[in-house]
Full PDB file with SEQRES, HELIX, SHEET, SSBOND, CRYST1, ORIGX, SCALE, CONECT and MASTER records, all heavy atoms in Angstrom:
SEQRES   1 A   31  LYS ALA ILE GLY LYS ALA ARG SER LEU THR ARG GLY VAL          
SEQRES   2 A   31  TYR PRO ALA GLY LEU VAL ALA GLY ALA LEU PRO ASP TYR          
SEQRES   3 A   31  LEU LYS ASP MET ALA                                          
HELIX    1 AA1 ALA A    2  VAL A   13  1                                  12    
HELIX    2 AA2 ALA A   20  ALA A   22  5                                   3    
HELIX    3 AA3 LEU A   23  MET A   30  1                                   8    
CRYST1    1.000    1.000    1.000  90.00  90.00  90.00 P 1           1          
ORIGX1      1.000000  0.000000  0.000000        0.00000                         
ORIGX2      0.000000  1.000000  0.000000        0.00000                         
ORIGX3      0.000000  0.000000  1.000000        0.00000                         
SCALE1      1.000000  0.000000  0.000000        0.00000                         
SCALE2      0.000000  1.000000  0.000000        0.00000                         
SCALE3      0.000000  0.000000  1.000000        0.00000                         
ATOM      1  N   LYS A   1       4.886  15.742   0.744  1.00  0.00           N  
ATOM      2  CA  LYS A   1       3.719  15.235   0.165  1.00  0.00           C  
ATOM      3  C   LYS A   1       4.101  14.211  -0.971  1.00  0.00           C  
ATOM      4  O   LYS A   1       3.442  13.252  -1.127  1.00  0.00           O  
ATOM      5  CB  LYS A   1       2.792  16.358  -0.445  1.00  0.00           C  
ATOM      6  CG  LYS A   1       2.074  17.196   0.522  1.00  0.00           C  
ATOM      7  CD  LYS A   1       1.267  18.225  -0.023  1.00  0.00           C  
ATOM      8  CE  LYS A   1       0.494  19.037   1.006  1.00  0.00           C  
ATOM      9  NZ  LYS A   1      -0.353  20.123   0.316  1.00  0.00           N  
ATOM     10  N   ALA A   2       5.093  14.534  -1.691  1.00  0.00           N  
ATOM     11  CA  ALA A   2       5.557  13.659  -2.789  1.00  0.00           C  
ATOM     12  C   ALA A   2       6.047  12.318  -2.200  1.00  0.00           C  
ATOM     13  O   ALA A   2       5.897  11.238  -2.770  1.00  0.00           O  
ATOM     14  CB  ALA A   2       6.669  14.335  -3.577  1.00  0.00           C  
ATOM     15  N   ILE A   3       6.748  12.390  -1.047  1.00  0.00           N  
ATOM     16  CA  ILE A   3       7.150  11.229  -0.380  1.00  0.00           C  
ATOM     17  C   ILE A   3       5.981  10.340  -0.026  1.00  0.00           C  
ATOM     18  O   ILE A   3       5.921   9.018  -0.263  1.00  0.00           O  
ATOM     19  CB  ILE A   3       8.037  11.579   0.969  1.00  0.00           C  
ATOM     20  CG1 ILE A   3       9.228  12.212   0.496  1.00  0.00           C  
ATOM     21  CG2 ILE A   3       8.235  10.326   1.747  1.00  0.00           C  
ATOM     22  CD1 ILE A   3       9.963  12.739   1.759  1.00  0.00           C  
ATOM     23  N   GLY A   4       4.877  10.988   0.517  1.00  0.00           N  
ATOM     24  CA  GLY A   4       3.622  10.177   0.823  1.00  0.00           C  
ATOM     25  C   GLY A   4       3.035   9.465  -0.444  1.00  0.00           C  
ATOM     26  O   GLY A   4       2.742   8.300  -0.401  1.00  0.00           O  
ATOM     27  N   LYS A   5       3.038  10.153  -1.578  1.00  0.00           N  
ATOM     28  CA  LYS A   5       2.462   9.630  -2.782  1.00  0.00           C  
ATOM     29  C   LYS A   5       3.403   8.561  -3.274  1.00  0.00           C  
ATOM     30  O   LYS A   5       2.898   7.537  -3.820  1.00  0.00           O  
ATOM     31  CB  LYS A   5       2.388  10.729  -3.806  1.00  0.00           C  
ATOM     32  CG  LYS A   5       1.215  11.755  -3.515  1.00  0.00           C  
ATOM     33  CD  LYS A   5       1.074  12.749  -4.608  1.00  0.00           C  
ATOM     34  CE  LYS A   5      -0.030  13.612  -4.371  1.00  0.00           C  
ATOM     35  NZ  LYS A   5      -0.256  14.635  -5.440  1.00  0.00           N  
ATOM     36  N   ALA A   6       4.709   8.705  -3.162  1.00  0.00           N  
ATOM     37  CA  ALA A   6       5.658   7.659  -3.642  1.00  0.00           C  
ATOM     38  C   ALA A   6       5.469   6.466  -2.757  1.00  0.00           C  
ATOM     39  O   ALA A   6       5.459   5.338  -3.332  1.00  0.00           O  
ATOM     40  CB  ALA A   6       7.102   8.139  -3.422  1.00  0.00           C  
ATOM     41  N   ARG A   7       5.257   6.568  -1.420  1.00  0.00           N  
ATOM     42  CA  ARG A   7       5.084   5.390  -0.646  1.00  0.00           C  
ATOM     43  C   ARG A   7       3.765   4.658  -1.057  1.00  0.00           C  
ATOM     44  O   ARG A   7       3.665   3.390  -1.143  1.00  0.00           O  
ATOM     45  CB  ARG A   7       4.913   5.831   0.876  1.00  0.00           C  
ATOM     46  CG  ARG A   7       6.321   6.186   1.388  1.00  0.00           C  
ATOM     47  CD  ARG A   7       6.334   6.703   2.827  1.00  0.00           C  
ATOM     48  NE  ARG A   7       7.599   6.920   3.410  1.00  0.00           N  
ATOM     49  CZ  ARG A   7       7.728   7.710   4.476  1.00  0.00           C  
ATOM     50  NH1 ARG A   7       6.770   8.152   5.162  1.00  0.00           N  
ATOM     51  NH2 ARG A   7       8.952   7.922   4.939  1.00  0.00           N  
ATOM     52  N   SER A   8       2.653   5.424  -1.390  1.00  0.00           N  
ATOM     53  CA  SER A   8       1.423   4.823  -1.786  1.00  0.00           C  
ATOM     54  C   SER A   8       1.649   4.102  -3.077  1.00  0.00           C  
ATOM     55  O   SER A   8       1.062   2.963  -3.340  1.00  0.00           O  
ATOM     56  CB  SER A   8       0.280   5.909  -1.830  1.00  0.00           C  
ATOM     57  OG  SER A   8       0.047   6.439  -0.669  1.00  0.00           O  
ATOM     58  N   LEU A   9       2.323   4.762  -4.002  1.00  0.00           N  
ATOM     59  CA  LEU A   9       2.585   4.124  -5.299  1.00  0.00           C  
ATOM     60  C   LEU A   9       3.400   2.800  -5.052  1.00  0.00           C  
ATOM     61  O   LEU A   9       3.226   1.850  -5.782  1.00  0.00           O  
ATOM     62  CB  LEU A   9       3.376   5.171  -6.189  1.00  0.00           C  
ATOM     63  CG  LEU A   9       3.731   4.688  -7.545  1.00  0.00           C  
ATOM     64  CD1 LEU A   9       2.444   4.249  -8.402  1.00  0.00           C  
ATOM     65  CD2 LEU A   9       4.539   5.686  -8.422  1.00  0.00           C  
ATOM     66  N   THR A  10       4.364   2.864  -4.196  1.00  0.00           N  
ATOM     67  CA  THR A  10       5.230   1.753  -3.864  1.00  0.00           C  
ATOM     68  C   THR A  10       4.419   0.592  -3.509  1.00  0.00           C  
ATOM     69  O   THR A  10       4.554  -0.614  -3.953  1.00  0.00           O  
ATOM     70  CB  THR A  10       6.315   2.030  -2.925  1.00  0.00           C  
ATOM     71  OG1 THR A  10       7.057   3.067  -3.424  1.00  0.00           O  
ATOM     72  CG2 THR A  10       7.177   0.727  -2.620  1.00  0.00           C  
ATOM     73  N   ARG A  11       3.549   0.775  -2.524  1.00  0.00           N  
ATOM     74  CA  ARG A  11       2.576  -0.220  -2.012  1.00  0.00           C  
ATOM     75  C   ARG A  11       1.644  -0.688  -3.080  1.00  0.00           C  
ATOM     76  O   ARG A  11       1.305  -1.966  -3.134  1.00  0.00           O  
ATOM     77  CB  ARG A  11       1.826   0.213  -0.805  1.00  0.00           C  
ATOM     78  CG  ARG A  11       2.794   0.486   0.434  1.00  0.00           C  
ATOM     79  CD  ARG A  11       2.005   0.836   1.567  1.00  0.00           C  
ATOM     80  NE  ARG A  11       1.220  -0.276   2.162  1.00  0.00           N  
ATOM     81  CZ  ARG A  11       0.555  -0.329   3.357  1.00  0.00           C  
ATOM     82  NH1 ARG A  11       0.529   0.848   4.112  1.00  0.00           N  
ATOM     83  NH2 ARG A  11      -0.088  -1.318   3.691  1.00  0.00           N  
ATOM     84  N   GLY A  12       1.243   0.206  -4.027  1.00  0.00           N  
ATOM     85  CA  GLY A  12       0.352  -0.270  -5.063  1.00  0.00           C  
ATOM     86  C   GLY A  12       1.043  -1.054  -6.071  1.00  0.00           C  
ATOM     87  O   GLY A  12       0.485  -1.954  -6.714  1.00  0.00           O  
ATOM     88  N   VAL A  13       2.409  -0.718  -6.350  1.00  0.00           N  
ATOM     89  CA  VAL A  13       3.143  -1.554  -7.344  1.00  0.00           C  
ATOM     90  C   VAL A  13       3.459  -2.955  -6.775  1.00  0.00           C  
ATOM     91  O   VAL A  13       3.368  -3.962  -7.424  1.00  0.00           O  
ATOM     92  CB  VAL A  13       4.267  -0.817  -7.772  1.00  0.00           C  
ATOM     93  CG1 VAL A  13       5.232  -1.782  -8.627  1.00  0.00           C  
ATOM     94  CG2 VAL A  13       3.925   0.420  -8.598  1.00  0.00           C  
ATOM     95  N   TYR A  14       3.901  -2.982  -5.468  1.00  0.00           N  
ATOM     96  CA  TYR A  14       4.297  -4.242  -4.888  1.00  0.00           C  
ATOM     97  C   TYR A  14       4.018  -4.075  -3.376  1.00  0.00           C  
ATOM     98  O   TYR A  14       4.660  -3.426  -2.591  1.00  0.00           O  
ATOM     99  CB  TYR A  14       5.823  -4.460  -5.096  1.00  0.00           C  
ATOM    100  CG  TYR A  14       6.076  -5.973  -4.679  1.00  0.00           C  
ATOM    101  CD1 TYR A  14       5.794  -7.048  -5.413  1.00  0.00           C  
ATOM    102  CD2 TYR A  14       6.715  -6.146  -3.391  1.00  0.00           C  
ATOM    103  CE1 TYR A  14       6.025  -8.337  -4.923  1.00  0.00           C  
ATOM    104  CE2 TYR A  14       7.084  -7.426  -2.925  1.00  0.00           C  
ATOM    105  CZ  TYR A  14       6.669  -8.470  -3.713  1.00  0.00           C  
ATOM    106  OH  TYR A  14       6.944  -9.791  -3.200  1.00  0.00           O  
ATOM    107  N   PRO A  15       2.975  -4.836  -2.879  1.00  0.00           N  
ATOM    108  CA  PRO A  15       2.574  -4.715  -1.464  1.00  0.00           C  
ATOM    109  C   PRO A  15       3.540  -5.574  -0.598  1.00  0.00           C  
ATOM    110  O   PRO A  15       3.146  -6.600  -0.025  1.00  0.00           O  
ATOM    111  CB  PRO A  15       1.104  -5.322  -1.530  1.00  0.00           C  
ATOM    112  CG  PRO A  15       1.188  -6.247  -2.573  1.00  0.00           C  
ATOM    113  CD  PRO A  15       2.141  -5.676  -3.624  1.00  0.00           C  
ATOM    114  N   ALA A  16       4.694  -5.017  -0.409  1.00  0.00           N  
ATOM    115  CA  ALA A  16       5.605  -5.759   0.476  1.00  0.00           C  
ATOM    116  C   ALA A  16       5.123  -5.676   1.845  1.00  0.00           C  
ATOM    117  O   ALA A  16       4.553  -4.782   2.440  1.00  0.00           O  
ATOM    118  CB  ALA A  16       7.082  -4.983   0.461  1.00  0.00           C  
ATOM    119  N   GLY A  17       5.335  -6.930   2.566  1.00  0.00           N  
ATOM    120  CA  GLY A  17       4.760  -6.936   3.892  1.00  0.00           C  
ATOM    121  C   GLY A  17       3.333  -7.356   4.027  1.00  0.00           C  
ATOM    122  O   GLY A  17       2.869  -7.457   5.248  1.00  0.00           O  
ATOM    123  N   LEU A  18       2.707  -7.612   2.942  1.00  0.00           N  
ATOM    124  CA  LEU A  18       1.322  -7.945   2.990  1.00  0.00           C  
ATOM    125  C   LEU A  18       1.181  -9.371   3.630  1.00  0.00           C  
ATOM    126  O   LEU A  18       1.632 -10.319   3.080  1.00  0.00           O  
ATOM    127  CB  LEU A  18       0.701  -7.957   1.569  1.00  0.00           C  
ATOM    128  CG  LEU A  18      -0.735  -8.387   1.464  1.00  0.00           C  
ATOM    129  CD1 LEU A  18      -1.585  -7.630   2.275  1.00  0.00           C  
ATOM    130  CD2 LEU A  18      -1.180  -8.415   0.035  1.00  0.00           C  
ATOM    131  N   VAL A  19       0.471  -9.387   4.733  1.00  0.00           N  
ATOM    132  CA  VAL A  19       0.093 -10.662   5.523  1.00  0.00           C  
ATOM    133  C   VAL A  19      -1.401 -10.829   5.329  1.00  0.00           C  
ATOM    134  O   VAL A  19      -2.182  -9.930   4.849  1.00  0.00           O  
ATOM    135  CB  VAL A  19       0.567 -10.626   6.876  1.00  0.00           C  
ATOM    136  CG1 VAL A  19       2.047 -10.567   6.995  1.00  0.00           C  
ATOM    137  CG2 VAL A  19      -0.047  -9.422   7.699  1.00  0.00           C  
ATOM    138  N   ALA A  20      -1.830 -12.024   5.680  1.00  0.00           N  
ATOM    139  CA  ALA A  20      -3.227 -12.419   5.498  1.00  0.00           C  
ATOM    140  C   ALA A  20      -4.233 -11.418   6.131  1.00  0.00           C  
ATOM    141  O   ALA A  20      -5.245 -10.981   5.551  1.00  0.00           O  
ATOM    142  CB  ALA A  20      -3.484 -13.795   6.032  1.00  0.00           C  
ATOM    143  N   GLY A  21      -3.945 -10.911   7.364  1.00  0.00           N  
ATOM    144  CA  GLY A  21      -4.869 -10.092   7.999  1.00  0.00           C  
ATOM    145  C   GLY A  21      -4.918  -8.650   7.570  1.00  0.00           C  
ATOM    146  O   GLY A  21      -5.710  -7.847   7.971  1.00  0.00           O  
ATOM    147  N   ALA A  22      -3.809  -8.279   6.870  1.00  0.00           N  
ATOM    148  CA  ALA A  22      -3.670  -6.912   6.468  1.00  0.00           C  
ATOM    149  C   ALA A  22      -4.238  -6.553   5.131  1.00  0.00           C  
ATOM    150  O   ALA A  22      -4.156  -5.320   4.777  1.00  0.00           O  
ATOM    151  CB  ALA A  22      -2.189  -6.506   6.424  1.00  0.00           C  
ATOM    152  N   LEU A  23      -4.894  -7.429   4.411  1.00  0.00           N  
ATOM    153  CA  LEU A  23      -5.363  -7.234   3.089  1.00  0.00           C  
ATOM    154  C   LEU A  23      -6.348  -6.039   2.992  1.00  0.00           C  
ATOM    155  O   LEU A  23      -6.155  -5.199   2.110  1.00  0.00           O  
ATOM    156  CB  LEU A  23      -6.066  -8.458   2.505  1.00  0.00           C  
ATOM    157  CG  LEU A  23      -6.719  -8.353   1.171  1.00  0.00           C  
ATOM    158  CD1 LEU A  23      -5.542  -7.926   0.143  1.00  0.00           C  
ATOM    159  CD2 LEU A  23      -7.318  -9.621   0.683  1.00  0.00           C  
ATOM    160  N   PRO A  24      -7.270  -5.926   3.975  1.00  0.00           N  
ATOM    161  CA  PRO A  24      -8.182  -4.717   3.880  1.00  0.00           C  
ATOM    162  C   PRO A  24      -7.450  -3.421   3.968  1.00  0.00           C  
ATOM    163  O   PRO A  24      -7.738  -2.417   3.250  1.00  0.00           O  
ATOM    164  CB  PRO A  24      -9.109  -4.873   5.158  1.00  0.00           C  
ATOM    165  CG  PRO A  24      -9.009  -6.412   5.406  1.00  0.00           C  
ATOM    166  CD  PRO A  24      -7.738  -6.821   5.044  1.00  0.00           C  
ATOM    167  N   ASP A  25      -6.380  -3.327   4.744  1.00  0.00           N  
ATOM    168  CA  ASP A  25      -5.555  -2.087   4.795  1.00  0.00           C  
ATOM    169  C   ASP A  25      -4.909  -1.779   3.545  1.00  0.00           C  
ATOM    170  O   ASP A  25      -4.890  -0.605   3.013  1.00  0.00           O  
ATOM    171  CB  ASP A  25      -4.549  -2.069   5.924  1.00  0.00           C  
ATOM    172  CG  ASP A  25      -5.191  -2.177   7.342  1.00  0.00           C  
ATOM    173  OD1 ASP A  25      -6.277  -1.636   7.436  1.00  0.00           O  
ATOM    174  OD2 ASP A  25      -4.568  -2.805   8.211  1.00  0.00           O  
ATOM    175  N   TYR A  26      -4.396  -2.786   2.852  1.00  0.00           N  
ATOM    176  CA  TYR A  26      -3.684  -2.569   1.622  1.00  0.00           C  
ATOM    177  C   TYR A  26      -4.729  -2.234   0.482  1.00  0.00           C  
ATOM    178  O   TYR A  26      -4.418  -1.369  -0.308  1.00  0.00           O  
ATOM    179  CB  TYR A  26      -2.940  -3.836   1.192  1.00  0.00           C  
ATOM    180  CG  TYR A  26      -1.592  -3.950   1.809  1.00  0.00           C  
ATOM    181  CD1 TYR A  26      -1.414  -4.315   3.190  1.00  0.00           C  
ATOM    182  CD2 TYR A  26      -0.431  -3.702   1.111  1.00  0.00           C  
ATOM    183  CE1 TYR A  26      -0.218  -4.379   3.753  1.00  0.00           C  
ATOM    184  CE2 TYR A  26       0.817  -3.753   1.691  1.00  0.00           C  
ATOM    185  CZ  TYR A  26       0.938  -4.084   3.058  1.00  0.00           C  
ATOM    186  OH  TYR A  26       2.137  -4.228   3.596  1.00  0.00           O  
ATOM    187  N   LEU A  27      -5.914  -2.765   0.546  1.00  0.00           N  
ATOM    188  CA  LEU A  27      -6.926  -2.349  -0.396  1.00  0.00           C  
ATOM    189  C   LEU A  27      -7.398  -0.903  -0.155  1.00  0.00           C  
ATOM    190  O   LEU A  27      -7.805  -0.177  -1.097  1.00  0.00           O  
ATOM    191  CB  LEU A  27      -8.098  -3.328  -0.300  1.00  0.00           C  
ATOM    192  CG  LEU A  27      -7.860  -4.774  -0.774  1.00  0.00           C  
ATOM    193  CD1 LEU A  27      -9.045  -5.704  -0.530  1.00  0.00           C  
ATOM    194  CD2 LEU A  27      -7.300  -4.874  -2.171  1.00  0.00           C  
ATOM    195  N   LYS A  28      -7.435  -0.391   1.120  1.00  0.00           N  
ATOM    196  CA  LYS A  28      -7.730   0.981   1.371  1.00  0.00           C  
ATOM    197  C   LYS A  28      -6.685   1.853   0.792  1.00  0.00           C  
ATOM    198  O   LYS A  28      -7.062   2.826   0.155  1.00  0.00           O  
ATOM    199  CB  LYS A  28      -7.824   1.042   2.886  1.00  0.00           C  
ATOM    200  CG  LYS A  28      -8.989   0.520   3.581  1.00  0.00           C  
ATOM    201  CD  LYS A  28      -8.888   0.776   5.065  1.00  0.00           C  
ATOM    202  CE  LYS A  28     -10.141   0.114   5.742  1.00  0.00           C  
ATOM    203  NZ  LYS A  28     -10.011   0.278   7.276  1.00  0.00           N  
ATOM    204  N   ASP A  29      -5.393   1.418   0.879  1.00  0.00           N  
ATOM    205  CA  ASP A  29      -4.396   2.178   0.238  1.00  0.00           C  
ATOM    206  C   ASP A  29      -4.524   2.322  -1.322  1.00  0.00           C  
ATOM    207  O   ASP A  29      -4.329   3.331  -1.992  1.00  0.00           O  
ATOM    208  CB  ASP A  29      -3.053   1.691   0.587  1.00  0.00           C  
ATOM    209  CG  ASP A  29      -2.610   1.882   2.023  1.00  0.00           C  
ATOM    210  OD1 ASP A  29      -3.276   2.731   2.688  1.00  0.00           O  
ATOM    211  OD2 ASP A  29      -1.620   1.195   2.492  1.00  0.00           O  
ATOM    212  N   MET A  30      -4.906   1.104  -1.861  1.00  0.00           N  
ATOM    213  CA  MET A  30      -5.097   1.079  -3.300  1.00  0.00           C  
ATOM    214  C   MET A  30      -6.308   1.972  -3.668  1.00  0.00           C  
ATOM    215  O   MET A  30      -6.191   2.742  -4.641  1.00  0.00           O  
ATOM    216  CB  MET A  30      -5.469  -0.405  -3.768  1.00  0.00           C  
ATOM    217  CG  MET A  30      -5.764  -0.542  -5.289  1.00  0.00           C  
ATOM    218  SD  MET A  30      -6.624  -2.007  -5.645  1.00  0.00           S  
ATOM    219  CE  MET A  30      -5.441  -3.284  -5.125  1.00  0.00           C  
ATOM    220  N   ALA A  31      -7.371   1.937  -2.917  1.00  0.00           N  
ATOM    221  CA  ALA A  31      -8.512   2.765  -3.176  1.00  0.00           C  
ATOM    222  C   ALA A  31      -8.173   4.272  -3.045  1.00  0.00           C  
ATOM    223  O   ALA A  31      -8.591   5.035  -3.949  1.00  0.00           O  
ATOM    224  CB  ALA A  31      -9.669   2.398  -2.268  1.00  0.00           C  
TER     225      ALA A  31                                                      
MASTER        0    0    0    3    0    0    0    6  224    1    0    3          
END                                                                             
């Protein structure tokens, strides 16, 4: 569970791999 939270935190700090069409998915992770 901590690994999952760390991954979410990582994407929240720096959305590596974010491409134009993936923005809604990254915003869902942020939410």
